[in-house]
């Protein structure tokens, strides 16, 4: 089972990155999903090691819901340093992560970077095949 938790703006991610996200075209840029490899990093928690429930952290910026994903641990650490999420990064197999999505979720790759990328499940489905 997947649970979603809503929060507001994360202060730890660079303001410039949020501005770029807010200004990004709503069009999905599938070609830029190439930065995602066989693994990515998400913010997630679970009650205990034997639990079958994982909670993905989602965010709301300018009224838009999204799940933040990072191309690697280096990007995750840089964008979350000093935040409450700094220790909640989980490296996950990209195909497994994609299999858990419904399909309607907006994903934002490296959301605190200068050029965050807006993606959907379909943009990631061919990775790792």
Foldseek 3Di string as FASTA:
>chain_A
DEAEDEDEDFPLQDPLLLVQVVPDDPDADLVVCVLAAQKKKFFWDDPDPPDPYIYGYWYADPRDIATEIERDVVLVCNRQPPTPRNPRIDIDGLQVVLVPDPFPHWYWYSSSDNHIGIDTSVSSNVHPD
